[in-house]
């Protein structure tokens, strides 16, 4: 007997969680297998007060494989395995950002839990299949333009900022950080992964 549609979707879906303290990453975006490998290697997130000793405000960090766990082989080995598994299983990957919206730390607010829950439910249930996806101009990820129980403006972080130029400046700042961090992996990945790497505008 075939599995119900929801269970089939869950079997072929996995989620990477991040927390963007700059408030510029989309709250949910779909990643290609090459982008999944890239973000797995980058491991961008923020250390948050209350979970890190002595930390009073969020601090951006790049933690390979989202936690920099001890691994006997180079991280690129595991990233390549991730890409292969995605291809074999025709899996979907979603990057979910639980960080700030409407501005960075001190200006914006944390993404509402209800919105994050709705986005996760939609991704895992197949509720985002067939929706319009648009590439984010700064980060290249594909952003759903609609999601059940989430206001459309929330899905595009630039729309949540009072000052669009301030958003652009912070987005440029973060793309530079991504670019600088990924230099350590460039000689260990193939051209397809290099092609999707986030780079600051010239």
N, C-alpha and C. Protein backbone atom coordinates (compact mmCIF):
# COMPACT_ATOMS: atom_id res chain seq x y z
N UNK A 1 0.85 -1.19 0.00
CA UNK A 1 0.00 0.00 0.00
C UNK A 1 0.89 1.25 0.00
N UNK A 2 0.68 2.18 -0.93
CA UNK A 2 1.51 3.38 -0.97
C UNK A 2 1.29 4.26 0.25
N UNK A 3 2.34 4.99 0.65
CA UNK A 3 2.23 5.89 1.78
C UNK A 3 1.33 7.07 1.45
N UNK A 4 0.65 7.62 2.45
CA UNK A 4 -0.13 8.84 2.21
C UNK A 4 0.77 9.94 1.66
N UNK A 5 0.16 10.88 0.94
CA UNK A 5 0.92 11.93 0.27
C UNK A 5 1.79 12.71 1.26
N UNK A 6 1.26 13.02 2.44
CA UNK A 6 2.02 13.79 3.42
C UNK A 6 3.28 13.04 3.84
N UNK A 7 3.16 11.73 4.09
CA UNK A 7 4.33 10.95 4.50
C UNK A 7 5.33 10.84 3.36
N UNK A 8 4.84 10.74 2.14
CA UNK A 8 5.74 10.70 1.00
C UNK A 8 6.55 12.00 0.91
N UNK A 9 5.87 13.13 1.15
CA UNK A 9 6.55 14.42 1.10
C UNK A 9 7.61 14.53 2.19
N UNK A 10 7.27 14.07 3.40
CA UNK A 10 8.22 14.13 4.52
C UNK A 10 9.44 13.27 4.22
N UNK A 11 9.24 12.11 3.62
CA UNK A 11 10.36 11.23 3.31
C UNK A 11 11.35 11.87 2.35
N UNK A 12 10.87 12.76 1.50
CA UNK A 12 11.72 13.37 0.49
C UNK A 12 12.06 14.83 0.79
N UNK A 13 11.92 15.22 2.03
CA UNK A 13 12.14 16.61 2.40
C UNK A 13 13.03 16.69 3.63
N UNK A 14 14.01 17.56 3.59
CA UNK A 14 14.75 17.85 4.81
C UNK A 14 14.98 19.34 4.92
N UNK A 15 15.25 19.77 6.14
CA UNK A 15 15.30 21.19 6.45
C UNK A 15 16.61 21.53 7.13
N UNK A 16 17.21 22.64 6.70
CA UNK A 16 18.35 23.22 7.39
C UNK A 16 17.85 24.45 8.14
N UNK A 17 18.19 24.56 9.40
CA UNK A 17 17.76 25.69 10.21
C UNK A 17 18.91 26.67 10.41
N UNK A 18 18.59 27.95 10.27
CA UNK A 18 19.56 28.99 10.55
C UNK A 18 18.88 30.10 11.32
N UNK A 19 19.68 30.98 11.88
CA UNK A 19 19.15 32.13 12.62
C UNK A 19 19.95 33.34 12.18
N UNK A 20 19.36 34.17 11.35
CA UNK A 20 20.05 35.33 10.79
C UNK A 20 19.79 36.56 11.65
N UNK A 21 20.82 37.00 12.37
CA UNK A 21 20.67 38.15 13.25
C UNK A 21 20.67 39.48 12.49
N UNK A 22 21.04 39.45 11.19
CA UNK A 22 21.01 40.67 10.39
C UNK A 22 19.62 40.96 9.84
N UNK A 23 18.74 39.96 9.83
CA UNK A 23 17.37 40.17 9.35
C UNK A 23 17.24 40.31 7.85
N UNK A 24 18.17 39.68 7.09
CA UNK A 24 18.13 39.85 5.63
C UNK A 24 17.90 38.54 4.86
N UNK A 25 18.12 37.40 5.48
CA UNK A 25 17.85 36.13 4.80
C UNK A 25 16.35 35.88 4.75
N UNK A 26 15.84 35.31 3.66
CA UNK A 26 14.42 34.95 3.61
C UNK A 26 14.09 33.95 4.72
N UNK A 27 12.86 33.99 5.23
CA UNK A 27 12.49 33.06 6.31
C UNK A 27 12.39 31.61 5.84
N UNK A 28 12.14 31.39 4.55
CA UNK A 28 12.16 30.04 4.01
C UNK A 28 12.56 30.13 2.54
N UNK A 29 13.39 29.21 2.12
CA UNK A 29 13.82 29.20 0.72
C UNK A 29 14.18 27.77 0.35
N UNK A 30 13.99 27.47 -0.93
CA UNK A 30 14.31 26.14 -1.43
C UNK A 30 15.73 26.16 -1.99
N UNK A 31 16.48 25.08 -1.71
CA UNK A 31 17.86 24.97 -2.16
C UNK A 31 17.99 23.84 -3.19
N UNK A 32 18.75 24.10 -4.23
CA UNK A 32 19.13 23.01 -5.13
C UNK A 32 20.13 22.13 -4.40
N UNK A 33 20.47 20.99 -4.97
CA UNK A 33 21.44 20.12 -4.31
C UNK A 33 22.79 20.82 -4.16
N UNK A 34 23.19 21.60 -5.17
CA UNK A 34 24.46 22.33 -5.07
C UNK A 34 24.39 23.40 -3.99
N UNK A 35 23.27 24.09 -3.89
CA UNK A 35 23.10 25.09 -2.83
C UNK A 35 23.06 24.43 -1.46
N UNK A 36 22.46 23.25 -1.38
CA UNK A 36 22.42 22.53 -0.10
C UNK A 36 23.83 22.19 0.34
N UNK A 37 24.67 21.74 -0.59
CA UNK A 37 26.06 21.44 -0.26
C UNK A 37 26.78 22.70 0.20
N UNK A 38 26.54 23.80 -0.51
CA UNK A 38 27.18 25.07 -0.16
C UNK A 38 26.79 25.51 1.25
N UNK A 39 25.50 25.50 1.55
CA UNK A 39 25.05 25.96 2.87
C UNK A 39 25.44 24.99 3.97
N UNK A 40 25.53 23.71 3.65
CA UNK A 40 25.99 22.73 4.63
C UNK A 40 27.44 23.03 5.01
N UNK A 41 28.25 23.37 4.03
CA UNK A 41 29.64 23.71 4.30
C UNK A 41 29.75 25.05 5.02
N UNK A 42 28.93 26.01 4.63
CA UNK A 42 29.01 27.35 5.22
C UNK A 42 28.53 27.35 6.66
N UNK A 43 27.39 26.73 6.90
CA UNK A 43 26.86 26.63 8.26
C UNK A 43 26.59 27.99 8.90
N UNK A 44 26.05 28.92 8.12
CA UNK A 44 25.80 30.25 8.68
C UNK A 44 24.65 30.25 9.67
N UNK A 45 24.87 30.91 10.81
CA UNK A 45 23.81 31.10 11.80
C UNK A 45 24.26 32.19 12.76
N UNK A 46 23.59 32.33 13.87
CA UNK A 46 23.99 33.31 14.88
C UNK A 46 24.04 32.64 16.24
N UNK A 47 25.05 32.96 16.99
CA UNK A 47 25.06 32.58 18.40
C UNK A 47 24.13 33.53 19.12
N UNK A 48 23.26 32.98 19.96
CA UNK A 48 22.19 33.78 20.57
C UNK A 48 22.36 33.80 22.08
N UNK A 49 22.17 35.00 22.67
CA UNK A 49 22.22 35.13 24.12
C UNK A 49 21.24 34.15 24.77
N UNK A 50 21.68 33.51 25.82
CA UNK A 50 20.84 32.52 26.50
C UNK A 50 21.24 31.11 26.14
N UNK A 51 21.89 30.95 24.99
CA UNK A 51 22.39 29.62 24.61
C UNK A 51 23.91 29.59 24.57
N UNK A 52 24.53 30.77 24.63
CA UNK A 52 25.98 30.88 24.62
C UNK A 52 26.44 31.64 25.86
N UNK A 53 27.33 31.06 26.62
CA UNK A 53 27.80 31.67 27.87
C UNK A 53 28.48 33.02 27.59
N UNK A 54 28.09 34.03 28.35
CA UNK A 54 28.71 35.34 28.27
C UNK A 54 28.27 36.19 27.10
N UNK A 55 27.36 35.71 26.30
CA UNK A 55 26.91 36.46 25.13
C UNK A 55 25.69 37.30 25.50
N UNK A 56 25.75 38.60 25.20
CA UNK A 56 24.65 39.50 25.53
C UNK A 56 23.80 39.86 24.32
N UNK A 57 24.33 39.67 23.12
CA UNK A 57 23.56 39.92 21.90
C UNK A 57 24.01 38.94 20.84
N UNK A 58 23.16 38.68 19.84
CA UNK A 58 23.50 37.69 18.83
C UNK A 58 24.79 38.04 18.08
N UNK A 59 25.53 37.02 17.71
CA UNK A 59 26.77 37.21 16.96
C UNK A 59 26.76 36.26 15.77
N UNK A 60 26.94 36.81 14.58
CA UNK A 60 26.96 35.98 13.37
C UNK A 60 28.15 35.04 13.41
N UNK A 61 27.95 33.83 12.92
CA UNK A 61 29.03 32.86 12.88
C UNK A 61 28.83 31.90 11.72
N UNK A 62 29.93 31.36 11.24
CA UNK A 62 29.90 30.30 10.24
C UNK A 62 30.47 29.06 10.90
N UNK A 63 29.63 28.06 11.04
CA UNK A 63 30.00 26.83 11.75
C UNK A 63 29.76 25.65 10.82
N UNK A 64 30.82 25.16 10.20
CA UNK A 64 30.73 24.13 9.18
C UNK A 64 29.81 22.99 9.60
N UNK A 65 28.95 22.58 8.68
CA UNK A 65 27.99 21.49 8.91
C UNK A 65 27.02 21.85 10.03
N UNK A 66 26.79 23.15 10.23
CA UNK A 66 25.86 23.64 11.26
C UNK A 66 26.19 23.08 12.64
N UNK A 67 27.38 23.33 13.09
CA UNK A 67 27.78 22.90 14.43
C UNK A 67 29.24 22.54 14.54
N UNK A 68 29.93 22.51 13.42
CA UNK A 68 31.35 22.16 13.39
C UNK A 68 31.64 20.90 14.20
N UNK A 69 30.89 19.82 13.95
CA UNK A 69 31.14 18.59 14.69
C UNK A 69 32.46 17.97 14.29
N UNK A 70 33.00 17.13 15.14
CA UNK A 70 34.22 16.42 14.76
C UNK A 70 33.88 15.41 13.68
N UNK A 71 34.60 15.47 12.60
CA UNK A 71 34.43 14.52 11.50
C UNK A 71 35.81 14.10 11.02
N UNK A 72 36.03 12.81 10.82
CA UNK A 72 37.37 12.35 10.45
C UNK A 72 37.82 12.78 9.07
N UNK A 73 36.89 13.09 8.17
CA UNK A 73 37.26 13.50 6.82
C UNK A 73 36.95 14.98 6.61
N UNK A 74 37.46 15.52 5.52
CA UNK A 74 37.22 16.92 5.21
C UNK A 74 35.72 17.13 5.03
N UNK A 75 35.18 18.28 5.49
CA UNK A 75 33.73 18.53 5.38
C UNK A 75 33.19 18.39 3.97
N UNK A 76 33.99 18.65 2.97
CA UNK A 76 33.52 18.55 1.59
C UNK A 76 33.12 17.12 1.24
N UNK A 77 33.71 16.13 1.90
CA UNK A 77 33.35 14.73 1.68
C UNK A 77 31.88 14.51 2.05
N UNK A 78 31.48 15.07 3.16
CA UNK A 78 30.11 14.89 3.64
C UNK A 78 29.13 15.75 2.84
N UNK A 79 29.60 16.91 2.39
CA UNK A 79 28.74 17.74 1.54
C UNK A 79 28.45 17.02 0.22
N UNK A 80 29.48 16.39 -0.34
CA UNK A 80 29.29 15.65 -1.59
C UNK A 80 28.32 14.49 -1.38
N UNK A 81 28.44 13.81 -0.27
CA UNK A 81 27.53 12.71 0.05
C UNK A 81 26.09 13.23 0.16
N UNK A 82 25.93 14.39 0.77
CA UNK A 82 24.61 15.01 0.87
C UNK A 82 24.02 15.24 -0.51
N UNK A 83 24.79 15.81 -1.41
CA UNK A 83 24.31 16.06 -2.77
C UNK A 83 23.93 14.78 -3.48
N UNK A 84 24.73 13.74 -3.30
CA UNK A 84 24.44 12.46 -3.94
C UNK A 84 23.15 11.86 -3.41
N UNK A 85 22.94 11.93 -2.10
CA UNK A 85 21.72 11.39 -1.49
C UNK A 85 20.49 12.16 -1.97
N UNK A 86 20.64 13.48 -2.10
CA UNK A 86 19.52 14.27 -2.61
C UNK A 86 19.15 13.85 -4.02
N UNK A 87 20.17 13.62 -4.85
CA UNK A 87 19.91 13.24 -6.24
C UNK A 87 19.25 11.87 -6.33
N UNK A 88 19.77 10.91 -5.59
CA UNK A 88 19.24 9.55 -5.64
C UNK A 88 17.79 9.51 -5.16
N UNK A 89 17.50 10.25 -4.10
CA UNK A 89 16.17 10.21 -3.51
C UNK A 89 15.23 11.31 -4.03
N UNK A 90 15.75 12.13 -4.95
CA UNK A 90 14.97 13.25 -5.49
C UNK A 90 14.38 14.08 -4.36
N UNK A 91 15.24 14.39 -3.41
CA UNK A 91 14.79 15.07 -2.20
C UNK A 91 14.77 16.58 -2.36
N UNK A 92 13.90 17.22 -1.60
CA UNK A 92 13.82 18.67 -1.52
C UNK A 92 14.55 19.14 -0.27
N UNK A 93 15.20 20.29 -0.38
CA UNK A 93 15.86 20.87 0.79
C UNK A 93 15.35 22.29 0.97
N UNK A 94 15.00 22.61 2.20
CA UNK A 94 14.53 23.96 2.52
C UNK A 94 15.44 24.56 3.59
N UNK A 95 15.80 25.82 3.41
CA UNK A 95 16.55 26.57 4.41
C UNK A 95 15.55 27.44 5.15
N UNK A 96 15.40 27.21 6.45
CA UNK A 96 14.43 27.95 7.26
C UNK A 96 15.19 28.85 8.23
N UNK A 97 14.87 30.12 8.17
CA UNK A 97 15.53 31.13 8.99
C UNK A 97 14.61 31.56 10.12
N UNK A 98 15.02 31.29 11.35
CA UNK A 98 14.21 31.64 12.52
C UNK A 98 14.68 32.95 13.16
N UNK A 99 15.53 33.69 12.44
CA UNK A 99 16.13 34.90 13.00
C UNK A 99 15.22 36.11 12.95
N UNK A 100 15.81 37.26 12.63
CA UNK A 100 15.12 38.53 12.76
C UNK A 100 14.40 38.93 11.48
N UNK A 101 13.34 39.69 11.64
CA UNK A 101 12.54 40.19 10.53
C UNK A 101 12.25 41.67 10.76
N UNK A 102 12.24 42.46 9.68
CA UNK A 102 11.96 43.88 9.82
C UNK A 102 13.16 44.69 10.27
N UNK A 103 14.31 44.07 10.29
CA UNK A 103 15.54 44.71 10.75
C UNK A 103 16.38 43.69 11.48
N UNK A 104 17.62 44.02 11.72
CA UNK A 104 18.49 43.12 12.46
C UNK A 104 18.25 43.21 13.95
N UNK A 105 19.10 42.54 14.71
CA UNK A 105 19.01 42.56 16.16
C UNK A 105 19.04 44.01 16.66
N UNK A 106 18.12 44.33 17.57
CA UNK A 106 18.04 45.67 18.13
C UNK A 106 17.08 46.58 17.38
N UNK A 107 16.70 46.17 16.18
CA UNK A 107 15.78 46.98 15.36
C UNK A 107 14.54 46.17 15.00
N UNK A 108 14.75 44.99 14.44
CA UNK A 108 13.64 44.13 14.06
C UNK A 108 13.19 43.23 15.21
N UNK A 109 12.40 42.25 14.86
CA UNK A 109 11.90 41.30 15.85
C UNK A 109 12.16 39.88 15.37
N UNK A 110 12.25 38.95 16.31
CA UNK A 110 12.41 37.55 15.93
C UNK A 110 11.20 37.09 15.12
N UNK A 111 11.46 36.23 14.16
CA UNK A 111 10.37 35.66 13.37
C UNK A 111 9.36 35.00 14.31
N UNK A 112 8.09 35.27 14.07
CA UNK A 112 7.05 34.70 14.92
C UNK A 112 7.06 33.18 14.81
N UNK A 113 6.95 32.52 15.95
CA UNK A 113 6.97 31.06 15.97
C UNK A 113 5.83 30.50 15.12
N UNK A 114 4.69 31.17 15.15
CA UNK A 114 3.55 30.69 14.36
C UNK A 114 3.87 30.68 12.87
N UNK A 115 4.63 31.67 12.41
CA UNK A 115 5.00 31.71 11.00
C UNK A 115 6.00 30.60 10.67
N UNK A 116 6.98 30.43 11.55
CA UNK A 116 7.97 29.36 11.32
C UNK A 116 7.29 28.00 11.30
N UNK A 117 6.36 27.80 12.22
CA UNK A 117 5.63 26.53 12.26
C UNK A 117 4.84 26.32 10.98
N UNK A 118 4.19 27.37 10.50
CA UNK A 118 3.40 27.26 9.27
C UNK A 118 4.29 26.96 8.06
N UNK A 119 5.46 27.57 8.00
CA UNK A 119 6.38 27.32 6.89
C UNK A 119 6.92 25.90 6.93
N UNK A 120 7.26 25.43 8.11
CA UNK A 120 7.73 24.05 8.24
C UNK A 120 6.64 23.06 7.86
N UNK A 121 5.43 23.31 8.33
CA UNK A 121 4.31 22.42 7.99
C UNK A 121 4.10 22.37 6.48
N UNK A 122 4.17 23.53 5.85
CA UNK A 122 3.96 23.59 4.40
C UNK A 122 5.07 22.85 3.66
N UNK A 123 6.30 23.04 4.09
CA UNK A 123 7.43 22.38 3.43
C UNK A 123 7.35 20.86 3.59
N UNK A 124 7.05 20.41 4.79
CA UNK A 124 7.05 18.97 5.08
C UNK A 124 5.83 18.25 4.52
N UNK A 125 4.74 18.98 4.35
CA UNK A 125 3.51 18.35 3.86
C UNK A 125 3.38 18.38 2.34
N UNK A 126 4.32 19.07 1.69
CA UNK A 126 4.20 19.24 0.25
C UNK A 126 3.34 20.42 -0.12
N UNK A 127 2.99 21.26 0.87
CA UNK A 127 2.12 22.39 0.62
C UNK A 127 2.75 23.51 -0.19
N UNK A 128 4.06 23.42 -0.42
CA UNK A 128 4.73 24.44 -1.23
C UNK A 128 5.02 23.95 -2.64
N UNK A 129 4.59 22.75 -2.94
CA UNK A 129 4.80 22.22 -4.30
C UNK A 129 3.98 23.04 -5.31
N UNK A 130 4.62 23.46 -6.36
CA UNK A 130 3.92 24.17 -7.42
C UNK A 130 3.73 25.66 -7.19
N UNK A 131 4.14 26.19 -6.02
CA UNK A 131 3.98 27.63 -5.80
C UNK A 131 5.06 28.38 -6.56
N UNK A 132 4.80 29.65 -6.82
CA UNK A 132 5.76 30.48 -7.52
C UNK A 132 7.00 30.70 -6.65
N UNK A 133 8.17 30.41 -7.21
CA UNK A 133 9.44 30.60 -6.52
C UNK A 133 10.25 31.64 -7.27
N UNK A 134 10.81 32.60 -6.53
CA UNK A 134 11.63 33.62 -7.15
C UNK A 134 13.00 33.66 -6.48
N UNK A 135 14.03 33.82 -7.31
CA UNK A 135 15.40 33.84 -6.79
C UNK A 135 15.65 35.13 -6.02
N UNK A 136 16.19 34.99 -4.81
CA UNK A 136 16.56 36.16 -4.03
C UNK A 136 17.76 36.82 -4.71
N UNK A 137 17.71 38.15 -4.94
CA UNK A 137 18.78 38.81 -5.69
C UNK A 137 20.12 38.85 -4.99
N UNK A 138 20.15 38.67 -3.68
CA UNK A 138 21.40 38.69 -2.94
C UNK A 138 21.98 37.31 -2.67
N UNK A 139 21.09 36.36 -2.38
CA UNK A 139 21.56 35.06 -1.93
C UNK A 139 21.29 33.93 -2.91
N UNK A 140 20.51 34.19 -3.95
CA UNK A 140 20.29 33.21 -5.01
C UNK A 140 19.33 32.09 -4.70
N UNK A 141 18.89 31.98 -3.45
CA UNK A 141 17.96 30.92 -3.07
C UNK A 141 16.58 31.20 -3.63
N UNK A 142 15.77 30.15 -3.79
CA UNK A 142 14.43 30.30 -4.35
C UNK A 142 13.41 30.50 -3.23
N UNK A 143 12.71 31.63 -3.30
CA UNK A 143 11.81 32.02 -2.21
C UNK A 143 10.36 31.84 -2.64
N UNK A 144 9.56 31.06 -1.88
CA UNK A 144 8.13 30.93 -2.19
C UNK A 144 7.45 32.29 -2.07
N UNK A 145 6.58 32.60 -3.01
CA UNK A 145 5.88 33.88 -2.97
C UNK A 145 4.58 33.80 -2.18
N UNK A 146 4.16 32.59 -1.87
CA UNK A 146 2.99 32.38 -1.00
C UNK A 146 3.27 31.19 -0.11
N UNK A 147 2.69 31.24 1.07
CA UNK A 147 2.77 30.13 2.01
C UNK A 147 1.54 30.20 2.92
N UNK A 148 0.82 29.11 3.10
CA UNK A 148 -0.36 29.14 3.96
C UNK A 148 -0.06 29.71 5.35
N UNK A 149 -0.89 30.62 5.80
CA UNK A 149 -0.84 31.19 7.15
C UNK A 149 0.36 32.09 7.39
N UNK A 150 1.01 32.53 6.30
CA UNK A 150 2.13 33.46 6.44
C UNK A 150 1.89 34.65 5.51
N UNK A 151 1.90 35.88 6.03
CA UNK A 151 1.71 37.05 5.15
C UNK A 151 2.76 37.09 4.05
N UNK A 152 2.35 37.46 2.87
CA UNK A 152 3.27 37.46 1.72
C UNK A 152 4.47 38.37 1.95
N UNK A 153 4.26 39.51 2.61
CA UNK A 153 5.37 40.43 2.85
C UNK A 153 6.46 39.80 3.71
N UNK A 154 6.08 38.94 4.61
CA UNK A 154 7.06 38.31 5.50
C UNK A 154 8.04 37.44 4.72
N UNK A 155 7.57 36.87 3.62
CA UNK A 155 8.40 35.95 2.85
C UNK A 155 9.54 36.67 2.14
N UNK A 156 9.38 37.96 1.89
CA UNK A 156 10.44 38.77 1.27
C UNK A 156 10.97 39.73 2.33
N UNK A 157 12.13 39.44 2.92
CA UNK A 157 12.58 40.24 4.07
C UNK A 157 12.74 41.73 3.77
N UNK A 158 13.07 42.08 2.54
CA UNK A 158 13.25 43.50 2.21
C UNK A 158 11.94 44.27 2.41
N UNK A 159 10.83 43.60 2.18
CA UNK A 159 9.52 44.24 2.35
C UNK A 159 9.18 44.52 3.81
N UNK A 160 9.87 43.88 4.73
CA UNK A 160 9.56 44.05 6.15
C UNK A 160 10.36 45.19 6.78
N UNK A 161 11.34 45.71 6.07
CA UNK A 161 12.16 46.80 6.59
C UNK A 161 11.52 48.14 6.28
N UNK A 162 11.59 49.08 7.23
CA UNK A 162 11.12 50.44 6.97
C UNK A 162 12.03 51.16 5.98
N UNK A 163 13.31 50.84 6.03
CA UNK A 163 14.31 51.50 5.18
C UNK A 163 14.92 50.46 4.25
N UNK A 164 14.48 50.46 2.99
CA UNK A 164 14.95 49.46 2.03
C UNK A 164 16.44 49.59 1.77
N UNK A 165 16.97 50.80 1.78
CA UNK A 165 18.40 50.99 1.54
C UNK A 165 19.22 50.42 2.69
N UNK A 166 18.69 50.49 3.90
CA UNK A 166 19.38 49.89 5.05
C UNK A 166 19.40 48.37 4.90
N UNK A 167 18.29 47.82 4.41
CA UNK A 167 18.27 46.38 4.14
C UNK A 167 19.35 46.02 3.12
N UNK A 168 19.42 46.78 2.04
CA UNK A 168 20.40 46.50 0.99
C UNK A 168 21.82 46.52 1.54
N UNK A 169 22.10 47.46 2.42
CA UNK A 169 23.44 47.55 3.02
C UNK A 169 23.77 46.34 3.88
N UNK A 170 22.80 45.90 4.67
CA UNK A 170 23.03 44.74 5.52
C UNK A 170 23.13 43.46 4.69
N UNK A 171 22.33 43.37 3.63
CA UNK A 171 22.42 42.19 2.76
C UNK A 171 23.79 42.13 2.11
N UNK A 172 24.30 43.27 1.67
CA UNK A 172 25.63 43.32 1.06
C UNK A 172 26.70 42.92 2.07
N UNK A 173 26.52 43.37 3.30
CA UNK A 173 27.44 43.00 4.37
C UNK A 173 27.48 41.49 4.56
N UNK A 174 26.30 40.87 4.58
CA UNK A 174 26.26 39.43 4.80
C UNK A 174 26.81 38.65 3.61
N UNK A 175 26.54 39.12 2.39
CA UNK A 175 27.09 38.41 1.23
C UNK A 175 28.62 38.45 1.25
N UNK A 176 29.20 39.54 1.70
CA UNK A 176 30.66 39.61 1.82
C UNK A 176 31.18 38.59 2.83
N UNK A 177 30.45 38.44 3.92
CA UNK A 177 30.85 37.46 4.94
C UNK A 177 30.79 36.04 4.38
N UNK A 178 29.72 35.74 3.64
CA UNK A 178 29.61 34.43 3.00
C UNK A 178 30.79 34.20 2.05
N UNK A 179 31.08 35.19 1.24
CA UNK A 179 32.15 35.05 0.25
C UNK A 179 33.50 34.81 0.92
N UNK A 180 33.79 35.58 1.94
CA UNK A 180 35.07 35.43 2.63
C UNK A 180 35.18 34.06 3.30
N UNK A 181 34.10 33.63 3.94
CA UNK A 181 34.13 32.34 4.64
C UNK A 181 34.36 31.17 3.69
N UNK A 182 33.76 31.25 2.50
CA UNK A 182 33.79 30.09 1.60
C UNK A 182 35.13 29.90 0.90
N UNK A 183 36.02 30.86 1.00
CA UNK A 183 37.33 30.72 0.37
C UNK A 183 38.06 29.47 0.84
N UNK A 184 37.82 29.06 2.07
CA UNK A 184 38.50 27.88 2.61
C UNK A 184 38.04 26.57 1.97
N UNK A 185 36.88 26.61 1.27
CA UNK A 185 36.34 25.39 0.67
C UNK A 185 36.46 25.36 -0.85
N UNK A 186 36.84 26.47 -1.46
CA UNK A 186 36.77 26.57 -2.91
C UNK A 186 37.61 25.53 -3.64
N UNK A 187 38.72 25.12 -3.06
CA UNK A 187 39.57 24.12 -3.71
C UNK A 187 39.12 22.70 -3.43
N UNK A 188 38.01 22.55 -2.71
CA UNK A 188 37.55 21.21 -2.32
C UNK A 188 36.18 20.85 -2.90
N UNK A 189 35.60 21.76 -3.69
CA UNK A 189 34.27 21.50 -4.25
C UNK A 189 34.33 21.62 -5.77
N UNK A 190 33.31 21.06 -6.43
CA UNK A 190 33.31 21.09 -7.89
C UNK A 190 32.77 22.44 -8.40
N UNK A 191 32.82 22.59 -9.71
CA UNK A 191 32.45 23.86 -10.32
C UNK A 191 30.98 24.22 -10.10
N UNK A 192 30.11 23.19 -10.02
CA UNK A 192 28.68 23.46 -9.83
C UNK A 192 28.41 24.12 -8.48
N UNK A 193 29.13 23.67 -7.46
CA UNK A 193 28.96 24.27 -6.13
C UNK A 193 29.56 25.68 -6.12
N UNK A 194 30.71 25.85 -6.75
CA UNK A 194 31.30 27.18 -6.84
C UNK A 194 30.36 28.16 -7.54
N UNK A 195 29.63 27.65 -8.53
CA UNK A 195 28.76 28.52 -9.31
C UNK A 195 27.60 29.07 -8.50
N UNK A 196 27.17 28.37 -7.44
CA UNK A 196 26.04 28.84 -6.64
C UNK A 196 26.50 29.56 -5.37
N UNK A 197 27.81 29.68 -5.18
CA UNK A 197 28.33 30.33 -3.99
C UNK A 197 27.87 31.79 -3.94
N UNK A 198 27.53 32.25 -2.76
CA UNK A 198 27.09 33.63 -2.57
C UNK A 198 28.29 34.56 -2.67
N UNK A 199 28.13 35.60 -3.49
CA UNK A 199 29.22 36.57 -3.68
C UNK A 199 28.67 37.98 -3.57
N UNK A 200 29.49 38.85 -3.00
CA UNK A 200 29.08 40.25 -2.89
C UNK A 200 29.09 40.90 -4.26
N UNK A 201 28.17 41.82 -4.47
CA UNK A 201 28.11 42.53 -5.74
C UNK A 201 29.37 43.37 -5.90
N UNK A 202 29.84 43.42 -7.12
CA UNK A 202 31.07 44.20 -7.39
C UNK A 202 30.81 45.68 -7.23
